[in-house]
């Protein structure tokens, strides 16, 4: 009977410590908000990255940053893991003005992506864009 009580106490302590560690790690994961200039500088350094446009398909065709891939913000949860399999890869997220990109960046972090940068909107991007398909 005493051994069972000791086991139960040790199990409780272990589970409590494990749960605390998981909560701490989840709280530490966050995206980083940067300016368009900072994003451009980081992209120019030659690192491998994904440029993620989270606007609508119509907005994307009308004007986008060259090299961007499209996952509309309302599809991030269902498509990210298939389209973006490497959760450690550097990801730059943008939209039109910064609202959808911030939301998408938060979702990506909640899905386990650890290298997410939100640089706001294409309205702040002064480094050239393309249009059409």
C-alpha atoms as a PDB file:
ATOM      1  CA  UNK A   1       0.000   0.000   0.000  1.00  0.00           C
ATOM      2  CA  UNK A   2       2.822   2.411   0.859  1.00  0.00           C
ATOM      3  CA  UNK A   3       4.625   1.611  -2.409  1.00  0.00           C
ATOM      4  CA  UNK A   4       1.477   2.431  -4.366  1.00  0.00           C
ATOM      5  CA  UNK A   5       1.199   5.809  -2.594  1.00  0.00           C
ATOM      6  CA  UNK A   6       4.857   6.574  -3.356  1.00  0.00           C
ATOM      7  CA  UNK A   7       4.341   5.615  -6.979  1.00  0.00           C
ATOM      8  CA  UNK A   8       1.250   7.835  -7.214  1.00  0.00           C
ATOM      9  CA  UNK A   9       3.103  10.789  -5.662  1.00  0.00           C
ATOM     10  CA  UNK A  10       6.113  10.338  -7.973  1.00  0.00           C
ATOM     11  CA  UNK A  11       3.844  10.004 -11.002  1.00  0.00           C
ATOM     12  CA  UNK A  12       2.012  13.186 -10.034  1.00  0.00           C
ATOM     13  CA  UNK A  13       5.294  15.100  -9.612  1.00  0.00           C
ATOM     14  CA  UNK A  14       6.619  13.843 -12.948  1.00  0.00           C
ATOM     15  CA  UNK A  15       3.425  14.744 -14.814  1.00  0.00           C
ATOM     16  CA  UNK A  16       3.333  18.195 -13.175  1.00  0.00           C
ATOM     17  CA  UNK A  17       6.936  18.924 -14.146  1.00  0.00           C
ATOM     18  CA  UNK A  18       6.382  17.694 -17.699  1.00  0.00           C
ATOM     19  CA  UNK A  19       3.245  19.818 -18.086  1.00  0.00           C
ATOM     20  CA  UNK A  20       5.129  22.881 -16.808  1.00  0.00           C
ATOM     21  CA  UNK A  21       7.883  22.353 -19.365  1.00  0.00           C
ATOM     22  CA  UNK A  22       5.376  22.039 -22.189  1.00  0.00           C
ATOM     23  CA  UNK A  23       3.628  25.261 -21.122  1.00  0.00           C
ATOM     24  CA  UNK A  24       6.941  27.126 -20.885  1.00  0.00           C
ATOM     25  CA  UNK A  25       8.022  25.981 -24.372  1.00  0.00           C
ATOM     26  CA  UNK A  26       4.641  26.900 -25.853  1.00  0.00           C
ATOM     27  CA  UNK A  27       4.854  30.366 -24.305  1.00  0.00           C
ATOM     28  CA  UNK A  28       8.346  30.945 -25.713  1.00  0.00           C
ATOM     29  CA  UNK A  29       7.361  30.163 -29.307  1.00  0.00           C
ATOM     30  CA  UNK A  30       6.390  33.346 -31.086  1.00  0.00           C
ATOM     31  CA  UNK A  31       6.795  35.001 -34.436  1.00  0.00           C
ATOM     32  CA  UNK A  32       8.918  38.090 -34.858  1.00  0.00           C
ATOM     33  CA  UNK A  33       7.554  41.339 -36.285  1.00  0.00           C
ATOM     34  CA  UNK A  34      10.073  43.106 -38.518  1.00  0.00           C
ATOM     35  CA  UNK A  35       9.989  45.904 -41.065  1.00  0.00           C
ATOM     36  CA  UNK A  36       9.957  45.402 -44.825  1.00  0.00           C
ATOM     37  CA  UNK A  37      13.502  46.802 -44.913  1.00  0.00           C
ATOM     38  CA  UNK A  38      14.679  44.235 -42.344  1.00  0.00           C
ATOM     39  CA  UNK A  39      12.977  41.452 -44.311  1.00  0.00           C
ATOM     40  CA  UNK A  40      14.607  42.599 -47.543  1.00  0.00           C
ATOM     41  CA  UNK A  41      18.017  42.695 -45.856  1.00  0.00           C
ATOM     42  CA  UNK A  42      17.585  39.190 -44.410  1.00  0.00           C
ATOM     43  CA  UNK A  43      16.396  37.843 -47.775  1.00  0.00           C
ATOM     44  CA  UNK A  44      19.430  39.408 -49.466  1.00  0.00           C
ATOM     45  CA  UNK A  45      21.824  37.497 -47.208  1.00  0.00           C
ATOM     46  CA  UNK A  46      21.385  34.357 -49.300  1.00  0.00           C
ATOM     47  CA  UNK A  47      19.694  32.186 -46.678  1.00  0.00           C
ATOM     48  CA  UNK A  48      17.143  29.645 -47.837  1.00  0.00           C
ATOM     49  CA  UNK A  49      13.663  30.945 -47.020  1.00  0.00           C
ATOM     50  CA  UNK A  50       9.996  30.838 -47.910  1.00  0.00           C
ATOM     51  CA  UNK A  51       8.184  34.025 -48.828  1.00  0.00           C
ATOM     52  CA  UNK A  52       4.545  33.496 -47.889  1.00  0.00           C
ATOM     53  CA  UNK A  53       1.729  35.692 -49.204  1.00  0.00           C
ATOM     54  CA  UNK A  54      -1.461  35.217 -47.180  1.00  0.00           C
ATOM     55  CA  UNK A  55      -3.791  37.413 -49.229  1.00  0.00           C
ATOM     56  CA  UNK A  56      -6.481  36.232 -51.632  1.00  0.00           C
ATOM     57  CA  UNK A  57      -5.704  34.630 -54.977  1.00  0.00           C
ATOM     58  CA  UNK A  58      -7.025  37.733 -56.763  1.00  0.00           C
ATOM     59  CA  UNK A  59      -4.683  40.006 -54.800  1.00  0.00           C
ATOM     60  CA  UNK A  60      -1.790  37.626 -55.436  1.00  0.00           C
ATOM     61  CA  UNK A  61      -2.324  37.627 -59.225  1.00  0.00           C
ATOM     62  CA  UNK A  62      -2.764  41.405 -59.297  1.00  0.00           C
ATOM     63  CA  UNK A  63       0.512  42.147 -57.476  1.00  0.00           C
ATOM     64  CA  UNK A  64       2.941  40.099 -55.394  1.00  0.00           C
ATOM     65  CA  UNK A  65       6.560  39.952 -54.352  1.00  0.00           C
ATOM     66  CA  UNK A  66       8.529  37.829 -56.800  1.00  0.00           C
ATOM     67  CA  UNK A  67       9.124  34.326 -55.481  1.00  0.00           C
ATOM     68  CA  UNK A  68       6.201  34.349 -53.056  1.00  0.00           C
ATOM     69  CA  UNK A  69       3.943  31.357 -52.588  1.00  0.00           C
ATOM     70  CA  UNK A  70       0.277  31.792 -51.799  1.00  0.00           C
ATOM     71  CA  UNK A  71      -1.640  30.321 -48.897  1.00  0.00           C
ATOM     72  CA  UNK A  72      -4.589  32.596 -48.090  1.00  0.00           C
ATOM     73  CA  UNK A  73      -4.811  33.362 -44.377  1.00  0.00           C
ATOM     74  CA  UNK A  74      -8.105  31.499 -44.025  1.00  0.00           C
ATOM     75  CA  UNK A  75      -6.410  28.311 -45.318  1.00  0.00           C
ATOM     76  CA  UNK A  76      -3.226  28.368 -43.212  1.00  0.00           C
ATOM     77  CA  UNK A  77      -4.428  25.783 -40.670  1.00  0.00           C
ATOM     78  CA  UNK A  78      -5.456  23.245 -43.294  1.00  0.00           C
ATOM     79  CA  UNK A  79      -2.686  23.713 -45.881  1.00  0.00           C
ATOM     80  CA  UNK A  80       0.471  24.809 -44.036  1.00  0.00           C
ATOM     81  CA  UNK A  81       1.758  21.409 -42.999  1.00  0.00           C
ATOM     82  CA  UNK A  82       1.371  20.031 -46.528  1.00  0.00           C
ATOM     83  CA  UNK A  83       2.806  23.073 -48.340  1.00  0.00           C
ATOM     84  CA  UNK A  84       5.412  23.971 -45.685  1.00  0.00           C
ATOM     85  CA  UNK A  85       6.710  20.628 -44.371  1.00  0.00           C
ATOM     86  CA  UNK A  86       9.942  22.006 -42.800  1.00  0.00           C
ATOM     87  CA  UNK A  87       8.917  23.662 -39.542  1.00  0.00           C
ATOM     88  CA  UNK A  88      12.462  24.975 -38.961  1.00  0.00           C
ATOM     89  CA  UNK A  89      12.727  26.802 -42.282  1.00  0.00           C
ATOM     90  CA  UNK A  90      12.885  30.586 -42.358  1.00  0.00           C
ATOM     91  CA  UNK A  91       9.437  31.939 -43.322  1.00  0.00           C
ATOM     92  CA  UNK A  92       8.640  35.561 -44.174  1.00  0.00           C
ATOM     93  CA  UNK A  93       4.904  36.330 -44.091  1.00  0.00           C
ATOM     94  CA  UNK A  94       3.130  39.282 -45.669  1.00  0.00           C
ATOM     95  CA  UNK A  95      -0.338  40.433 -46.680  1.00  0.00           C
ATOM     96  CA  UNK A  96      -1.673  43.812 -47.824  1.00  0.00           C
ATOM     97  CA  UNK A  97      -1.312  45.940 -44.702  1.00  0.00           C
ATOM     98  CA  UNK A  98      -0.173  43.633 -41.892  1.00  0.00           C
ATOM     99  CA  UNK A  99      -3.330  42.386 -40.187  1.00  0.00           C
ATOM    100  CA  UNK A 100      -3.683  39.031 -41.981  1.00  0.00           C
ATOM    101  CA  UNK A 101       0.072  38.394 -41.883  1.00  0.00           C
ATOM    102  CA  UNK A 102       0.158  38.814 -38.097  1.00  0.00           C
ATOM    103  CA  UNK A 103      -2.742  36.398 -37.716  1.00  0.00           C
ATOM    104  CA  UNK A 104      -1.167  33.883 -40.110  1.00  0.00           C
ATOM    105  CA  UNK A 105       2.192  34.140 -38.326  1.00  0.00           C
ATOM    106  CA  UNK A 106       0.504  33.389 -34.983  1.00  0.00           C
ATOM    107  CA  UNK A 107      -1.204  30.349 -36.509  1.00  0.00           C
ATOM    108  CA  UNK A 108       2.068  29.078 -37.992  1.00  0.00           C
ATOM    109  CA  UNK A 109       3.738  29.313 -34.585  1.00  0.00           C
ATOM    110  CA  UNK A 110       0.816  27.484 -32.981  1.00  0.00           C
ATOM    111  CA  UNK A 111       1.344  24.711 -35.565  1.00  0.00           C
ATOM    112  CA  UNK A 112       4.991  24.362 -34.511  1.00  0.00           C
ATOM    113  CA  UNK A 113       6.867  26.592 -36.966  1.00  0.00           C
ATOM    114  CA  UNK A 114       9.795  28.196 -35.173  1.00  0.00           C
ATOM    115  CA  UNK A 115      11.397  30.641 -37.604  1.00  0.00           C
ATOM    116  CA  UNK A 116       8.521  32.919 -38.616  1.00  0.00           C
ATOM    117  CA  UNK A 117       8.909  36.612 -39.456  1.00  0.00           C
ATOM    118  CA  UNK A 118       5.972  38.915 -40.192  1.00  0.00           C
ATOM    119  CA  UNK A 119       6.978  42.008 -42.148  1.00  0.00           C
ATOM    120  CA  UNK A 120       3.482  43.380 -42.568  1.00  0.00           C
ATOM    121  CA  UNK A 121       2.058  44.382 -45.883  1.00  0.00           C
ATOM    122  CA  UNK A 122       2.952  44.678 -49.519  1.00  0.00           C
ATOM    123  CA  UNK A 123       1.983  48.348 -49.162  1.00  0.00           C
ATOM    124  CA  UNK A 124       5.273  48.844 -47.270  1.00  0.00           C
ATOM    125  CA  UNK A 125       7.364  46.842 -49.779  1.00  0.00           C
ATOM    126  CA  UNK A 126       9.398  49.214 -51.962  1.00  0.00           C
ATOM    127  CA  UNK A 127      11.669  46.602 -53.546  1.00  0.00           C
ATOM    128  CA  UNK A 128       9.625  45.668 -56.623  1.00  0.00           C
ATOM    129  CA  UNK A 129       6.672  43.433 -57.335  1.00  0.00           C
ATOM    130  CA  UNK A 130       5.320  41.314 -60.173  1.00  0.00           C
ATOM    131  CA  UNK A 131       1.820  40.670 -61.464  1.00  0.00           C
ATOM    132  CA  UNK A 132      -0.040  38.034 -63.461  1.00  0.00           C
ATOM    133  CA  UNK A 133       0.549  34.331 -63.390  1.00  0.00           C
END
